[in-house]
Amino acid sequence: MRLRTGLTLVVLVGLLVAAVVVGWRLLTTNIPLLNAAQPTCSNEKLPSGSRLESSQVTVNVYNSGSISGLANATMLSLNRRGFGAGVVADAPPRIKAKNVTIFDPRPKAPSVRLVKQQFAGKVAVRKRRADISAGVDVVVGDKFAGLAPKAATSLRLRGTTRVCVDVTPTP
């Protein structure tokens, strides 16, 4: 009986040491975080008269409401329409939306207009001095009305413009 107790104790101590070693390695190894701020797009210049396609626009979706998973579901819907995936997260403090609010340093930019067309209901567009993240920042709230069923996924440019083109590798 004492041999079994001693053997059990040795095995348990061995497991504890192994867990400490693995835990220490995980804590001290530089592991990239899923939501780490990494560039998801690069700025490209498009000439007047060309078409801005949804695949050339990176969108970040933030949830300012209490409905869990709303930002992720919205991003998946935008991805199905060809938009590049940026950040999906809760909205920063003090940034709110009832239905949808779009924040961008250039609120009249073609990429903002294209993204705005995707949503049903009233969509507010606000100017911010700096992006929350690279791309078009979309904040959804508890009164989110969904996506517009027949929204265009491209638009013709009236002037030369710069867009944040998605550089996220596809699996």
Foldseek 3Di string as FASTA:
>chain_A
DVVVVVVVVVVVVVVVVVVVVVVVCVVPDDDDDPQPADQFFDKDKDFAFDKDFQQFFEEAEAEAEDDPPPQVVQQVVSVVRNHHYDHYYHDPPPDDDAAKEKEEQDCVDPQNVLVVQFAPDDYHYDYDNDDPGAGIYMYGYPNHPHTDPDRDRMDGGRGMDMHTRGPDDDD
